[in-house]
Amino acid sequence: MIDHVLLIASIIGAIATIMGAAYKLMKMFHSVMSEIEGVKDSLKRNELHILKLAILEENMPPAERLKCGERYIALGGNGQIKKIVEKLMKETDDIVEALKRNKDLQSYNEEELVKLLEKVRENKNK
């Protein structure tokens, strides 16, 4: 009889120890996940800031600024920078459409027209 009571007591003790360890592991896991979320948030804010600086850099090629702008908007960037990106997109689209209407340039595809536009802008800035 006493052997059964001791066996039951030791089983209950083992279960309590296992549950205590599991609780501590869950608490530690939650803490690590909170830290990871904080780091991810900081990285996103840093990326948005770097993209904003690239978008505002007028000496950077327009195609690069547009790529940065698309990424900025995809990450949820908004406000004045988004308006600048949309303006850049509209200007580029308008110029590409104008170039497409030019009979000498109708054989160019859109990517070639964008490269040509970049060359024109580079020469203009020199």
N, C-alpha and C. Protein backbone atom coordinates (compact mmCIF):
# COMPACT_ATOMS: atom_id res chain seq x y z
N MET A 1 0.82 -1.19 0.00
CA MET A 1 0.00 0.00 0.00
C MET A 1 0.87 1.27 0.00
N ILE A 2 1.84 1.31 0.88
CA ILE A 2 2.74 2.46 0.95
C ILE A 2 3.53 2.56 -0.34
N ASP A 3 3.87 1.43 -0.94
CA ASP A 3 4.59 1.46 -2.21
C ASP A 3 3.77 2.13 -3.30
N HIS A 4 2.46 1.86 -3.30
CA HIS A 4 1.57 2.47 -4.28
C HIS A 4 1.46 3.98 -4.06
N VAL A 5 1.37 4.39 -2.82
CA VAL A 5 1.28 5.81 -2.50
C VAL A 5 2.56 6.52 -2.91
N LEU A 6 3.71 5.91 -2.63
CA LEU A 6 5.00 6.49 -3.02
C LEU A 6 5.13 6.57 -4.55
N LEU A 7 4.66 5.53 -5.22
CA LEU A 7 4.70 5.52 -6.69
C LEU A 7 3.84 6.64 -7.26
N ILE A 8 2.62 6.78 -6.72
CA ILE A 8 1.72 7.83 -7.19
C ILE A 8 2.32 9.21 -6.89
N ALA A 9 2.89 9.38 -5.71
CA ALA A 9 3.49 10.66 -5.33
C ALA A 9 4.67 11.00 -6.24
N SER A 10 5.49 10.01 -6.56
CA SER A 10 6.62 10.27 -7.44
C SER A 10 6.17 10.57 -8.87
N ILE A 11 5.09 9.92 -9.33
CA ILE A 11 4.55 10.22 -10.66
C ILE A 11 4.00 11.64 -10.70
N ILE A 12 3.27 12.03 -9.65
CA ILE A 12 2.72 13.39 -9.58
C ILE A 12 3.87 14.41 -9.54
N GLY A 13 4.91 14.10 -8.79
CA GLY A 13 6.07 14.99 -8.72
C GLY A 13 6.76 15.13 -10.07
N ALA A 14 6.88 14.02 -10.79
CA ALA A 14 7.50 14.04 -12.11
C ALA A 14 6.67 14.86 -13.10
N ILE A 15 5.36 14.68 -13.01
CA ILE A 15 4.47 15.44 -13.90
C ILE A 15 4.58 16.93 -13.59
N ALA A 16 4.61 17.29 -12.32
CA ALA A 16 4.73 18.70 -11.93
C ALA A 16 6.06 19.27 -12.41
N THR A 17 7.14 18.51 -12.31
CA THR A 17 8.44 18.97 -12.78
C THR A 17 8.43 19.18 -14.29
N ILE A 18 7.84 18.24 -15.01
CA ILE A 18 7.76 18.34 -16.48
C ILE A 18 6.91 19.55 -16.87
N MET A 19 5.80 19.76 -16.19
CA MET A 19 4.93 20.89 -16.51
C MET A 19 5.63 22.22 -16.18
N GLY A 20 6.38 22.26 -15.09
CA GLY A 20 7.13 23.47 -14.74
C GLY A 20 8.19 23.78 -15.79
N ALA A 21 8.90 22.76 -16.25
CA ALA A 21 9.92 22.95 -17.29
C ALA A 21 9.26 23.40 -18.60
N ALA A 22 8.12 22.80 -18.94
CA ALA A 22 7.41 23.18 -20.17
C ALA A 22 6.95 24.63 -20.08
N TYR A 23 6.47 25.06 -18.90
CA TYR A 23 6.04 26.45 -18.71
C TYR A 23 7.21 27.40 -18.89
N LYS A 24 8.35 27.07 -18.32
CA LYS A 24 9.53 27.92 -18.46
C LYS A 24 9.98 28.00 -19.92
N LEU A 25 9.93 26.87 -20.62
CA LEU A 25 10.30 26.86 -22.04
C LEU A 25 9.35 27.72 -22.86
N MET A 26 8.06 27.62 -22.58
CA MET A 26 7.08 28.43 -23.31
C MET A 26 7.29 29.91 -23.03
N LYS A 27 7.59 30.25 -21.80
CA LYS A 27 7.84 31.65 -21.43
C LYS A 27 9.09 32.17 -22.15
N MET A 28 10.14 31.34 -22.18
CA MET A 28 11.36 31.72 -22.86
C MET A 28 11.12 31.86 -24.37
N PHE A 29 10.36 30.94 -24.95
CA PHE A 29 10.03 31.00 -26.38
C PHE A 29 9.26 32.28 -26.70
N HIS A 30 8.30 32.62 -25.86
CA HIS A 30 7.52 33.85 -26.06
C HIS A 30 8.43 35.08 -26.00
N SER A 31 9.36 35.09 -25.07
CA SER A 31 10.31 36.20 -24.94
C SER A 31 11.18 36.33 -26.19
N VAL A 32 11.67 35.21 -26.70
CA VAL A 32 12.51 35.22 -27.91
C VAL A 32 11.69 35.70 -29.10
N MET A 33 10.46 35.24 -29.22
CA MET A 33 9.62 35.66 -30.34
C MET A 33 9.33 37.17 -30.27
N SER A 34 9.15 37.70 -29.07
CA SER A 34 8.93 39.14 -28.93
C SER A 34 10.17 39.92 -29.37
N GLU A 35 11.34 39.42 -29.02
CA GLU A 35 12.59 40.06 -29.44
C GLU A 35 12.73 40.02 -30.96
N ILE A 36 12.41 38.89 -31.56
CA ILE A 36 12.50 38.75 -33.01
C ILE A 36 11.55 39.73 -33.69
N GLU A 37 10.34 39.88 -33.19
CA GLU A 37 9.38 40.82 -33.76
C GLU A 37 9.91 42.25 -33.66
N GLY A 38 10.55 42.56 -32.53
CA GLY A 38 11.13 43.89 -32.36
C GLY A 38 12.24 44.16 -33.36
N VAL A 39 13.08 43.16 -33.59
CA VAL A 39 14.17 43.30 -34.55
C VAL A 39 13.61 43.44 -35.97
N LYS A 40 12.59 42.66 -36.30
CA LYS A 40 11.98 42.75 -37.63
C LYS A 40 11.37 44.14 -37.84
N ASP A 41 10.74 44.68 -36.82
CA ASP A 41 10.15 46.02 -36.93
C ASP A 41 11.24 47.06 -37.15
N SER A 42 12.34 46.94 -36.41
CA SER A 42 13.45 47.89 -36.58
C SER A 42 14.05 47.79 -37.98
N LEU A 43 14.21 46.57 -38.49
CA LEU A 43 14.75 46.39 -39.84
C LEU A 43 13.84 47.01 -40.89
N LYS A 44 12.54 46.85 -40.71
CA LYS A 44 11.60 47.41 -41.67
C LYS A 44 11.68 48.94 -41.66
N ARG A 45 11.74 49.54 -40.45
CA ARG A 45 11.85 50.99 -40.37
C ARG A 45 13.16 51.48 -40.99
N ASN A 46 14.24 50.75 -40.75
CA ASN A 46 15.53 51.12 -41.35
C ASN A 46 15.49 51.01 -42.87
N GLU A 47 14.88 49.94 -43.38
CA GLU A 47 14.78 49.77 -44.82
C GLU A 47 13.95 50.89 -45.44
N LEU A 48 12.84 51.25 -44.81
CA LEU A 48 12.02 52.34 -45.32
C LEU A 48 12.81 53.65 -45.34
N HIS A 49 13.59 53.88 -44.30
CA HIS A 49 14.38 55.11 -44.24
C HIS A 49 15.44 55.14 -45.35
N ILE A 50 16.12 54.03 -45.56
CA ILE A 50 17.15 53.95 -46.61
C ILE A 50 16.51 54.14 -47.99
N LEU A 51 15.36 53.50 -48.19
CA LEU A 51 14.65 53.66 -49.47
C LEU A 51 14.22 55.12 -49.67
N LYS A 52 13.77 55.76 -48.60
CA LYS A 52 13.36 57.15 -48.69
C LYS A 52 14.55 58.02 -49.13
N LEU A 53 15.70 57.77 -48.55
CA LEU A 53 16.89 58.55 -48.92
C LEU A 53 17.25 58.32 -50.39
N ALA A 54 17.13 57.07 -50.85
CA ALA A 54 17.45 56.77 -52.25
C ALA A 54 16.45 57.45 -53.19
N ILE A 55 15.19 57.46 -52.83
CA ILE A 55 14.16 58.08 -53.67
C ILE A 55 14.40 59.59 -53.79
N LEU A 56 14.81 60.21 -52.71
CA LEU A 56 15.02 61.66 -52.71
C LEU A 56 16.35 62.08 -53.33
N GLU A 57 17.25 61.12 -53.57
CA GLU A 57 18.56 61.43 -54.15
C GLU A 57 18.39 61.67 -55.65
N GLU A 58 18.46 62.92 -56.06
CA GLU A 58 18.20 63.28 -57.46
C GLU A 58 19.34 62.87 -58.40
N ASN A 59 20.53 62.62 -57.86
CA ASN A 59 21.65 62.20 -58.71
C ASN A 59 21.61 60.71 -59.04
N MET A 60 20.72 59.98 -58.40
CA MET A 60 20.58 58.55 -58.66
C MET A 60 19.79 58.36 -59.95
N PRO A 61 20.13 57.35 -60.76
CA PRO A 61 19.38 57.11 -61.99
C PRO A 61 17.88 56.91 -61.70
N PRO A 62 17.03 57.46 -62.54
CA PRO A 62 15.58 57.38 -62.31
C PRO A 62 15.06 55.95 -62.16
N ALA A 63 15.62 55.03 -62.93
CA ALA A 63 15.16 53.64 -62.84
C ALA A 63 15.42 53.08 -61.44
N GLU A 64 16.57 53.41 -60.87
CA GLU A 64 16.88 52.95 -59.51
C GLU A 64 15.95 53.60 -58.49
N ARG A 65 15.69 54.88 -58.69
CA ARG A 65 14.77 55.58 -57.78
C ARG A 65 13.38 54.96 -57.85
N LEU A 66 12.96 54.58 -59.07
CA LEU A 66 11.64 53.95 -59.21
C LEU A 66 11.60 52.58 -58.55
N LYS A 67 12.68 51.80 -58.70
CA LYS A 67 12.73 50.49 -58.04
C LYS A 67 12.64 50.66 -56.53
N CYS A 68 13.38 51.61 -56.00
CA CYS A 68 13.32 51.89 -54.57
C CYS A 68 11.92 52.34 -54.17
N GLY A 69 11.30 53.14 -55.02
CA GLY A 69 9.95 53.62 -54.75
C GLY A 69 8.93 52.51 -54.72
N GLU A 70 9.05 51.58 -55.65
CA GLU A 70 8.12 50.44 -55.66
C GLU A 70 8.27 49.61 -54.39
N ARG A 71 9.50 49.39 -53.97
CA ARG A 71 9.76 48.63 -52.74
C ARG A 71 9.22 49.41 -51.53
N TYR A 72 9.43 50.73 -51.53
CA TYR A 72 8.96 51.58 -50.44
C TYR A 72 7.45 51.46 -50.28
N ILE A 73 6.74 51.54 -51.39
CA ILE A 73 5.28 51.44 -51.35
C ILE A 73 4.85 50.03 -50.94
N ALA A 74 5.55 49.01 -51.44
CA ALA A 74 5.21 47.63 -51.10
C ALA A 74 5.37 47.36 -49.60
N LEU A 75 6.33 48.05 -48.97
CA LEU A 75 6.53 47.88 -47.52
C LEU A 75 5.57 48.71 -46.69
N GLY A 76 4.69 49.44 -47.36
CA GLY A 76 3.70 50.23 -46.64
C GLY A 76 4.08 51.68 -46.47
N GLY A 77 5.15 52.11 -47.16
CA GLY A 77 5.54 53.52 -47.10
C GLY A 77 4.43 54.38 -47.68
N ASN A 78 4.24 55.53 -47.09
CA ASN A 78 3.11 56.36 -47.47
C ASN A 78 3.50 57.83 -47.34
N GLY A 79 2.56 58.70 -47.54
CA GLY A 79 2.79 60.12 -47.31
C GLY A 79 3.43 60.81 -48.50
N GLN A 80 4.24 61.81 -48.18
CA GLN A 80 4.85 62.66 -49.20
C GLN A 80 5.79 61.87 -50.11
N ILE A 81 6.53 60.92 -49.56
CA ILE A 81 7.46 60.12 -50.37
C ILE A 81 6.69 59.30 -51.40
N LYS A 82 5.55 58.75 -50.99
CA LYS A 82 4.73 57.99 -51.93
C LYS A 82 4.26 58.89 -53.07
N LYS A 83 3.91 60.13 -52.76
CA LYS A 83 3.48 61.08 -53.81
C LYS A 83 4.63 61.36 -54.78
N ILE A 84 5.84 61.48 -54.24
CA ILE A 84 7.02 61.71 -55.10
C ILE A 84 7.23 60.51 -56.02
N VAL A 85 7.10 59.31 -55.48
CA VAL A 85 7.28 58.08 -56.28
C VAL A 85 6.21 58.02 -57.37
N GLU A 86 4.98 58.31 -57.01
CA GLU A 86 3.90 58.29 -58.01
C GLU A 86 4.15 59.32 -59.11
N LYS A 87 4.69 60.49 -58.73
CA LYS A 87 5.01 61.51 -59.72
C LYS A 87 6.12 61.01 -60.65
N LEU A 88 7.16 60.37 -60.08
CA LEU A 88 8.24 59.81 -60.90
C LEU A 88 7.70 58.76 -61.87
N MET A 89 6.79 57.92 -61.37
CA MET A 89 6.20 56.88 -62.21
C MET A 89 5.42 57.50 -63.37
N LYS A 90 4.64 58.52 -63.05
CA LYS A 90 3.84 59.19 -64.09
C LYS A 90 4.73 59.85 -65.12
N GLU A 91 5.77 60.56 -64.67
CA GLU A 91 6.69 61.22 -65.59
C GLU A 91 7.36 60.19 -66.51
N THR A 92 7.82 59.10 -65.93
CA THR A 92 8.49 58.06 -66.72
C THR A 92 7.51 57.45 -67.71
N ASP A 93 6.29 57.15 -67.26
CA ASP A 93 5.28 56.59 -68.17
C ASP A 93 4.97 57.54 -69.31
N ASP A 94 4.84 58.83 -69.00
CA ASP A 94 4.54 59.83 -70.04
C ASP A 94 5.67 59.90 -71.06
N ILE A 95 6.90 59.90 -70.58
CA ILE A 95 8.05 59.98 -71.48
C ILE A 95 8.15 58.73 -72.34
N VAL A 96 7.94 57.56 -71.71
CA VAL A 96 7.99 56.30 -72.47
C VAL A 96 6.91 56.30 -73.54
N GLU A 97 5.71 56.77 -73.22
CA GLU A 97 4.63 56.83 -74.21
C GLU A 97 5.00 57.79 -75.34
N ALA A 98 5.58 58.91 -75.00
CA ALA A 98 6.00 59.87 -76.03
C ALA A 98 7.07 59.25 -76.93
N LEU A 99 8.00 58.53 -76.33
CA LEU A 99 9.05 57.88 -77.12
C LEU A 99 8.47 56.80 -78.02
N LYS A 100 7.45 56.10 -77.53
CA LYS A 100 6.82 55.04 -78.33
C LYS A 100 6.13 55.63 -79.57
N ARG A 101 5.60 56.84 -79.44
CA ARG A 101 4.92 57.46 -80.57
C ARG A 101 5.90 57.95 -81.63
N ASN A 102 7.16 58.11 -81.25
CA ASN A 102 8.18 58.53 -82.20
C ASN A 102 8.45 57.37 -83.16
N LYS A 103 8.29 57.61 -84.45
CA LYS A 103 8.41 56.54 -85.45
C LYS A 103 9.80 55.91 -85.46
N ASP A 104 10.83 56.70 -85.17
CA ASP A 104 12.19 56.15 -85.16
C ASP A 104 12.41 55.20 -83.99
N LEU A 105 11.61 55.34 -82.96
CA LEU A 105 11.82 54.55 -81.74
C LEU A 105 10.76 53.45 -81.55
N GLN A 106 9.88 53.25 -82.50
CA GLN A 106 8.80 52.29 -82.31
C GLN A 106 9.29 50.84 -82.24
N SER A 107 10.48 50.58 -82.73
CA SER A 107 10.99 49.21 -82.67
C SER A 107 11.55 48.86 -81.29
N TYR A 108 11.74 49.85 -80.42
CA TYR A 108 12.27 49.62 -79.08
C TYR A 108 11.18 49.06 -78.18
N ASN A 109 11.56 48.12 -77.30
CA ASN A 109 10.59 47.67 -76.30
C ASN A 109 10.68 48.61 -75.09
N GLU A 110 9.82 48.43 -74.12
CA GLU A 110 9.74 49.37 -73.00
C GLU A 110 11.04 49.43 -72.20
N GLU A 111 11.68 48.30 -71.99
CA GLU A 111 12.94 48.28 -71.23
C GLU A 111 14.03 49.07 -71.95
N GLU A 112 14.09 48.91 -73.26
CA GLU A 112 15.07 49.67 -74.05
C GLU A 112 14.77 51.17 -74.01
N LEU A 113 13.49 51.52 -74.02
CA LEU A 113 13.12 52.93 -73.94
C LEU A 113 13.49 53.54 -72.59
N VAL A 114 13.33 52.77 -71.53
CA VAL A 114 13.70 53.26 -70.20
C VAL A 114 15.21 53.48 -70.13
N LYS A 115 15.99 52.55 -70.71
CA LYS A 115 17.45 52.72 -70.74
C LYS A 115 17.84 53.95 -71.55
N LEU A 116 17.17 54.15 -72.67
CA LEU A 116 17.43 55.32 -73.49
C LEU A 116 17.10 56.60 -72.72
N LEU A 117 16.00 56.57 -72.01
CA LEU A 117 15.60 57.71 -71.19
C LEU A 117 16.67 58.02 -70.14
N GLU A 118 17.21 56.98 -69.51
CA GLU A 118 18.26 57.18 -68.51
C GLU A 118 19.49 57.84 -69.15
N LYS A 119 19.87 57.39 -70.33
CA LYS A 119 21.01 57.99 -71.02
C LYS A 119 20.77 59.46 -71.32
N VAL A 120 19.55 59.77 -71.76
CA VAL A 120 19.21 61.16 -72.07
C VAL A 120 19.31 62.01 -70.80
N ARG A 121 18.79 61.51 -69.71
CA ARG A 121 18.85 62.25 -68.45
C ARG A 121 20.28 62.42 -67.96
N GLU A 122 21.10 61.38 -68.12
CA GLU A 122 22.51 61.47 -67.72
C GLU A 122 23.24 62.54 -68.54
N ASN A 123 23.01 62.54 -69.85
CA ASN A 123 23.64 63.54 -70.71
C ASN A 123 23.15 64.95 -70.38
N LYS A 124 21.89 65.07 -70.02
CA LYS A 124 21.32 66.36 -69.67
C LYS A 124 21.96 66.91 -68.39
N ASN A 125 22.28 66.01 -67.44
CA ASN A 125 22.86 66.43 -66.16
C ASN A 125 24.35 66.76 -66.27
N LYS A 126 24.99 66.38 -67.37
CA LYS A 126 26.45 66.63 -67.50
C LYS A 126 26.73 68.05 -67.87
